[in-house]
């Protein structure tokens, strides 16, 4: 059996953290309602409370938290505090950063829950910080680092342009398309590669090494190529986080090339995050709450998009594929198995 496996360079960015991890935000608990009919805001609108303003302010400063997390990961703060509390002076000596900045940095880490400090001097680790430890299962260290890099971070400075044009903004924000930018910035590219494995021609050799390490080299072959031109003939095609990297026209081109190469009884399997349909009841643990955000991130970076199952079905119909089985997973992904229309 020959298996053709395509994997998106952005796939690891969508990987889930430990099961205990959940996104945290301040939720307004109450609002005041105007009951009069005077002018101004209006009779049916709610007056924002202090909690509402605090929530907005917290969201506005999210860009600061992104960088604090990235620096904590880069400086291996979790590793430094794993055996007990440390002072800012000790951390400065360990990390090589400026002494007074070490205290100010750790104070900010305490504010967002990465560290705890009861005496104003000694900083201790928290479970959240340990999720950034390099040896923690499903560690988020590399993800924290990559989201703090210019390539992933600066593209959001052009979000207003993106919503006006529906076009990727990496070239505008970075001076080049994102992967061309990485080619000219090897330090950032190294962080990106550490977060994910790229299935591109230049890493086919790495795939061959991985196959050998797993004992399947005698029945597999790593081939670099361009799926916009052609793909090898095979029995099973696995597109894991591929289609969300492209707009509908390009996604159809990829699927068409797979469809042309498929044997009569071949299967094509797609694994993606997905949007629930309006009114669709799906258990909360099977929905990735970050999909609406990553949908925008993909558009900003590479003109990609997340889709609903109906939207994927529409793509399949256009290239002569039919859905055989759909399996939602408990990590927010869905596995869609397709075959050729008879």
Protein backbone atom coordinates (compact mmCIF):
# COMPACT_ATOMS: atom_id res chain seq x y z
CA UNK A 1 0.00 0.00 0.00
CA UNK A 2 1.23 3.48 -0.83
CA UNK A 3 0.15 6.29 1.43
CA UNK A 4 0.49 9.86 0.28
CA UNK A 5 0.68 12.18 3.26
CA UNK A 6 0.52 15.95 3.03
CA UNK A 7 0.93 18.05 6.15
CA UNK A 8 0.53 21.79 6.50
CA UNK A 9 3.44 23.80 7.95
CA UNK A 10 0.91 25.54 10.19
CA UNK A 11 -0.47 22.29 11.62
CA UNK A 12 1.48 22.37 14.86
CA UNK A 13 0.21 25.86 15.60
CA UNK A 14 -3.21 24.33 15.85
CA UNK A 15 -2.08 21.46 18.08
CA UNK A 16 -3.83 21.28 21.37
CA UNK A 17 -2.14 21.68 24.72
CA UNK A 18 -2.55 19.43 27.74
CA UNK A 19 -6.09 18.33 28.55
CA UNK A 20 -6.10 20.57 31.60
CA UNK A 21 -5.36 23.70 29.57
CA UNK A 22 -8.18 26.10 28.84
CA UNK A 23 -8.27 29.63 27.48
CA UNK A 24 -8.76 32.13 30.27
CA UNK A 25 -10.42 35.47 30.03
CA UNK A 26 -12.26 37.86 32.30
CA UNK A 27 -16.02 37.42 31.77
CA UNK A 28 -18.40 40.24 32.68
CA UNK A 29 -20.79 38.97 35.34
CA UNK A 30 -23.41 41.68 35.28
CA UNK A 31 -24.65 44.63 33.30
CA UNK A 32 -26.95 47.53 33.99
CA UNK A 33 -29.97 48.08 31.76
CA UNK A 34 -31.41 51.46 30.88
CA UNK A 35 -35.14 51.45 31.52
CA UNK A 36 -35.90 55.00 30.53
CA UNK A 37 -36.49 56.28 27.00
CA UNK A 38 -34.16 59.26 27.06
CA UNK A 39 -31.70 59.99 24.26
CA UNK A 40 -28.09 58.95 24.24
CA UNK A 41 -27.40 55.23 24.32
CA UNK A 42 -31.06 54.26 24.07
CA UNK A 43 -33.72 52.47 26.05
CA UNK A 44 -32.90 48.95 24.93
CA UNK A 45 -29.11 49.09 25.29
CA UNK A 46 -27.08 47.99 28.26
CA UNK A 47 -24.83 50.37 30.12
CA UNK A 48 -21.29 48.95 30.35
CA UNK A 49 -20.18 48.28 33.90
CA UNK A 50 -16.67 48.46 35.33
CA UNK A 51 -16.36 44.73 34.69
CA UNK A 52 -17.13 45.31 31.02
CA UNK A 53 -14.44 47.98 30.79
CA UNK A 54 -11.97 45.75 32.67
CA UNK A 55 -12.67 42.90 30.24
CA UNK A 56 -12.07 45.16 27.24
CA UNK A 57 -8.86 46.51 28.73
CA UNK A 58 -7.64 42.98 29.41
CA UNK A 59 -8.31 41.99 25.80
CA UNK A 60 -6.62 45.13 24.47
CA UNK A 61 -3.41 44.30 26.31
CA UNK A 62 -3.34 40.73 24.98
CA UNK A 63 -0.41 41.62 22.72
CA UNK A 64 1.66 42.27 25.84
CA UNK A 65 0.79 38.88 27.27
CA UNK A 66 1.82 37.17 24.05
CA UNK A 67 5.30 38.65 24.35
CA UNK A 68 5.59 37.88 28.07
CA UNK A 69 4.75 34.25 27.35
CA UNK A 70 7.24 34.16 24.47
CA UNK A 71 10.04 35.58 26.63
CA UNK A 72 9.22 33.25 29.52
CA UNK A 73 9.48 30.31 27.12
CA UNK A 74 12.66 31.59 25.46
CA UNK A 75 14.40 32.19 28.80
CA UNK A 76 13.25 28.81 30.15
CA UNK A 77 11.62 30.35 33.20
CA UNK A 78 9.74 27.12 33.93
CA UNK A 79 12.94 25.11 34.02
CA UNK A 80 14.60 27.65 36.31
CA UNK A 81 11.75 27.56 38.84
CA UNK A 82 11.01 23.84 38.69
CA UNK A 83 12.91 23.02 41.90
CA UNK A 84 11.62 25.89 44.03
CA UNK A 85 11.27 29.63 44.35
CA UNK A 86 13.96 32.00 43.10
CA UNK A 87 14.63 35.70 43.46
CA UNK A 88 14.86 38.09 40.55
CA UNK A 89 18.61 38.32 41.12
CA UNK A 90 18.96 34.55 40.81
CA UNK A 91 16.89 34.50 37.66
CA UNK A 92 18.94 37.34 36.17
CA UNK A 93 22.11 35.38 36.80
CA UNK A 94 20.60 32.24 35.29
CA UNK A 95 19.16 33.89 32.19
CA UNK A 96 21.66 36.65 31.55
CA UNK A 97 19.09 39.43 31.48
CA UNK A 98 19.47 42.80 33.21
CA UNK A 99 18.90 42.58 36.97
CA UNK A 100 16.23 45.26 37.44
CA UNK A 101 14.37 44.05 34.37
CA UNK A 102 14.32 40.54 35.81
CA UNK A 103 12.24 41.76 38.73
CA UNK A 104 9.87 43.78 36.55
CA UNK A 105 9.47 40.84 34.18
CA UNK A 106 8.72 38.38 37.00
CA UNK A 107 6.27 40.84 38.53
CA UNK A 108 4.39 40.91 35.22
CA UNK A 109 4.51 37.10 35.07
CA UNK A 110 2.85 37.04 38.50
CA UNK A 111 0.16 39.41 37.25
CA UNK A 112 -0.88 37.02 34.47
CA UNK A 113 -0.60 33.87 36.60
CA UNK A 114 2.67 32.37 35.36
CA UNK A 115 4.40 32.83 38.70
CA UNK A 116 3.34 33.35 42.31
CA UNK A 117 5.00 35.70 44.78
CA UNK A 118 3.85 36.04 48.39
CA UNK A 119 6.74 37.97 49.94
CA UNK A 120 7.48 40.44 47.16
CA UNK A 121 10.86 38.86 46.54
CA UNK A 122 10.67 35.11 45.87
CA UNK A 123 8.93 33.89 42.73
CA UNK A 124 7.49 30.38 42.45
CA UNK A 125 6.25 28.38 39.50
CA UNK A 126 2.59 27.65 38.78
CA UNK A 127 0.93 24.86 36.75
CA UNK A 128 0.44 27.35 33.92
CA UNK A 129 4.16 28.05 33.81
CA UNK A 130 4.98 24.35 33.85
CA UNK A 131 2.97 23.99 30.63
CA UNK A 132 5.87 25.96 29.08
CA UNK A 133 8.48 23.55 30.44
CA UNK A 134 10.29 21.88 27.57
CA UNK A 135 9.90 18.42 29.09
CA UNK A 136 6.22 18.69 30.01
CA UNK A 137 4.11 16.32 27.88
CA UNK A 138 2.40 18.38 25.16
CA UNK A 139 4.56 21.34 26.18
CA UNK A 140 3.48 24.68 24.72
CA UNK A 141 6.98 26.17 24.88
CA UNK A 142 7.60 26.21 21.14
CA UNK A 143 4.13 27.56 20.41
CA UNK A 144 4.65 30.40 22.87
CA UNK A 145 7.96 31.23 21.24
CA UNK A 146 6.71 31.13 17.66
CA UNK A 147 3.70 33.37 18.35
CA UNK A 148 6.09 35.97 19.70
CA UNK A 149 8.18 36.10 16.53
CA UNK A 150 7.83 38.91 14.02
CA UNK A 151 6.54 36.63 11.28
CA UNK A 152 3.54 35.51 13.31
CA UNK A 153 3.05 38.68 15.30
CA UNK A 154 3.45 41.62 12.93
CA UNK A 155 0.96 40.38 10.37
CA UNK A 156 -1.80 41.32 12.82
CA UNK A 157 -0.76 44.97 12.55
CA UNK A 158 -2.35 44.83 9.08
CA UNK A 159 -5.64 43.30 10.19
CA UNK A 160 -7.70 46.33 9.20
CA UNK A 161 -6.27 46.13 5.68
CA UNK A 162 -7.05 42.40 5.63
CA UNK A 163 -10.71 42.81 6.53
CA UNK A 164 -11.05 45.48 3.85
CA UNK A 165 -9.39 43.41 1.13
CA UNK A 166 -9.75 39.73 2.18
CA UNK A 167 -6.10 39.26 1.25
CA UNK A 168 -3.08 37.93 3.13
CA UNK A 169 -0.95 40.69 4.61
CA UNK A 170 2.39 38.98 5.29
CA UNK A 171 4.10 40.73 2.38
CA UNK A 172 2.81 44.11 3.52
CA UNK A 173 3.75 43.56 7.18
CA UNK A 174 7.04 41.70 6.68
CA UNK A 175 8.22 42.88 3.29
CA UNK A 176 7.85 39.41 1.74
CA UNK A 177 5.46 36.43 1.73
CA UNK A 178 5.82 34.60 5.01
CA UNK A 179 7.92 31.65 3.83
CA UNK A 180 10.18 33.95 1.80
CA UNK A 181 10.58 35.98 4.98
CA UNK A 182 11.60 32.85 6.86
CA UNK A 183 14.21 32.08 4.21
CA UNK A 184 15.86 35.43 4.97
CA UNK A 185 15.50 35.15 8.77
CA UNK A 186 17.00 31.81 9.83
CA UNK A 187 16.68 32.45 13.57
CA UNK A 188 12.90 32.83 13.31
CA UNK A 189 12.74 29.98 10.81
CA UNK A 190 14.47 27.72 13.34
CA UNK A 191 11.78 28.48 15.94
CA UNK A 192 9.10 27.85 13.33
CA UNK A 193 10.64 24.51 12.34
CA UNK A 194 10.92 23.50 15.99
CA UNK A 195 7.16 24.00 16.31
CA UNK A 196 6.24 21.94 13.27
CA UNK A 197 7.56 19.69 10.57
CA UNK A 198 7.26 21.09 7.07
CA UNK A 199 6.36 18.66 4.28
CA UNK A 200 8.20 20.53 1.55
CA UNK A 201 10.79 19.24 -0.95
CA UNK A 202 13.70 20.39 1.19
CA UNK A 203 12.56 18.28 4.14
CA UNK A 204 11.86 15.06 2.25
CA UNK A 205 15.23 13.80 3.48
CA UNK A 206 14.12 14.39 7.07
CA UNK A 207 10.96 12.41 6.38
CA UNK A 208 13.06 9.51 5.12
CA UNK A 209 15.12 9.58 8.30
CA UNK A 210 11.93 9.56 10.38
CA UNK A 211 10.56 6.60 8.42
CA UNK A 212 13.77 4.67 9.05
CA UNK A 213 13.63 5.45 12.76
CA UNK A 214 10.08 4.07 12.89
CA UNK A 215 10.96 0.92 11.01
CA UNK A 216 8.89 1.61 7.90
CA UNK A 217 11.63 2.65 5.47
CA UNK A 218 11.35 -0.62 3.55
CA UNK A 219 7.74 0.10 2.61
CA UNK A 220 7.74 3.86 2.20
CA UNK A 221 9.32 6.53 0.09
CA UNK A 222 9.64 10.24 0.84
CA UNK A 223 9.05 12.36 -2.26
CA UNK A 224 9.27 16.13 -2.33
CA UNK A 225 6.96 17.83 -4.77
CA UNK A 226 4.31 20.40 -5.58
CA UNK A 227 0.72 19.27 -5.11
CA UNK A 228 -0.43 22.07 -7.39
CA UNK A 229 1.27 20.22 -10.24
CA UNK A 230 0.78 16.54 -9.43
CA UNK A 231 0.79 13.90 -6.68
CA UNK A 232 1.88 10.24 -6.87
CA UNK A 233 -0.61 7.43 -7.43
CA UNK A 234 -1.69 5.90 -4.13
CA UNK A 235 -4.27 3.95 -2.14
CA UNK A 236 -4.68 6.48 0.66
CA UNK A 237 -4.21 10.23 0.62
CA UNK A 238 -3.95 11.97 3.99
CA UNK A 239 -4.29 15.75 3.95
CA UNK A 240 -3.72 16.86 7.52
CA UNK A 241 -4.17 20.62 7.96
CA UNK A 242 -3.57 21.24 4.28
CA UNK A 243 -6.80 22.60 2.84
CA UNK A 244 -7.27 25.30 5.48
CA UNK A 245 -4.06 26.87 4.21
CA UNK A 246 -5.68 27.81 0.90
CA UNK A 247 -8.69 29.65 -0.46
CA UNK A 248 -11.41 27.65 -2.20
CA UNK A 249 -9.90 27.92 -5.69
CA UNK A 250 -6.51 26.59 -4.60
CA UNK A 251 -8.05 23.95 -2.33
CA UNK A 252 -9.97 22.65 -5.35
CA UNK A 253 -6.76 22.50 -7.39
CA UNK A 254 -5.12 20.36 -4.71
CA UNK A 255 -8.11 18.03 -4.48
CA UNK A 256 -8.35 17.74 -8.26
CA UNK A 257 -4.75 16.58 -8.51
CA UNK A 258 -5.34 14.03 -5.77
CA UNK A 259 -8.52 12.84 -7.47
CA UNK A 260 -6.70 12.35 -10.79
CA UNK A 261 -3.99 10.25 -9.12
CA UNK A 262 -6.31 8.11 -6.97
CA UNK A 263 -6.78 4.46 -7.79
CA UNK A 264 -10.36 3.30 -8.29
CA UNK A 265 -10.76 2.12 -4.69
CA UNK A 266 -8.50 4.73 -3.08
CA UNK A 267 -9.52 6.90 -0.15
CA UNK A 268 -8.75 10.54 0.58
CA UNK A 269 -8.81 11.55 4.24
CA UNK A 270 -8.90 15.14 5.44
CA UNK A 271 -8.12 16.15 9.03
CA UNK A 272 -8.97 19.71 9.99
CA UNK A 273 -10.39 21.88 12.70
CA UNK A 274 -13.94 22.88 11.83
CA UNK A 275 -16.76 25.31 12.46
CA UNK A 276 -20.01 23.93 13.83
CA UNK A 277 -23.08 24.56 11.71
CA UNK A 278 -25.59 27.10 13.07
CA UNK A 279 -27.71 25.35 15.68
CA UNK A 280 -25.64 22.17 15.52
CA UNK A 281 -25.25 20.53 18.92
CA UNK A 282 -21.68 19.30 19.35
CA UNK A 283 -20.14 18.46 22.75
CA UNK A 284 -17.99 21.31 23.99
CA UNK A 285 -14.86 19.15 24.21
CA UNK A 286 -15.12 18.45 20.47
CA UNK A 287 -15.04 22.11 19.45
CA UNK A 288 -11.86 24.15 19.33
CA UNK A 289 -12.88 27.55 20.68
CA UNK A 290 -9.88 29.16 18.98
CA UNK A 291 -10.95 28.24 15.43
CA UNK A 292 -12.48 31.67 14.68
CA UNK A 293 -9.17 33.28 15.64
CA UNK A 294 -7.01 30.86 13.68
CA UNK A 295 -9.33 31.35 10.71
CA UNK A 296 -8.26 34.99 10.67
CA UNK A 297 -4.62 34.16 11.38
CA UNK A 298 -4.50 31.82 8.39
CA UNK A 299 -6.01 34.47 6.17
CA UNK A 300 -3.50 37.07 7.34
CA UNK A 301 -0.54 34.74 6.88
CA UNK A 302 -1.32 32.76 3.73
CA UNK A 303 -4.86 33.65 2.59
CA UNK A 304 -6.20 30.46 4.14
CA UNK A 305 -9.46 29.78 5.98
CA UNK A 306 -11.17 27.35 8.32
CA UNK A 307 -14.39 25.71 7.09
CA UNK A 308 -17.53 23.95 8.22
CA UNK A 309 -18.26 20.36 7.23
CA UNK A 310 -20.77 21.64 4.68
CA UNK A 311 -18.11 23.82 3.09
CA UNK A 312 -15.74 20.85 2.87
CA UNK A 313 -18.51 18.77 1.31
CA UNK A 314 -18.96 21.47 -1.33
CA UNK A 315 -15.27 21.29 -2.20
CA UNK A 316 -15.42 17.51 -2.49
CA UNK A 317 -18.47 17.66 -4.78
CA UNK A 318 -16.67 19.96 -7.19
CA UNK A 319 -13.85 17.46 -7.77
CA UNK A 320 -15.86 14.25 -7.88
CA UNK A 321 -15.42 13.04 -4.31
CA UNK A 322 -18.07 11.89 -1.85
CA UNK A 323 -17.93 11.80 1.92
CA UNK A 324 -18.01 8.25 3.33
CA UNK A 325 -17.51 8.90 7.02
CA UNK A 326 -17.08 11.87 9.34
CA UNK A 327 -15.52 11.40 12.78
CA UNK A 328 -15.27 14.35 15.18
CA UNK A 329 -12.36 13.94 17.58
CA UNK A 330 -12.21 15.08 21.19
CA UNK A 331 -9.49 17.64 20.46
CA UNK A 332 -11.47 19.91 18.16
CA UNK A 333 -10.51 18.19 14.91
CA UNK A 334 -12.61 16.18 12.50
CA UNK A 335 -11.57 13.26 10.27
CA UNK A 336 -13.38 13.23 6.91
CA UNK A 337 -13.01 10.11 4.78
CA UNK A 338 -13.87 10.44 1.09
CA UNK A 339 -13.87 8.30 -2.03
CA UNK A 340 -14.37 8.88 -5.73
CA UNK A 341 -17.88 9.30 -7.01
CA UNK A 342 -18.94 6.21 -8.97
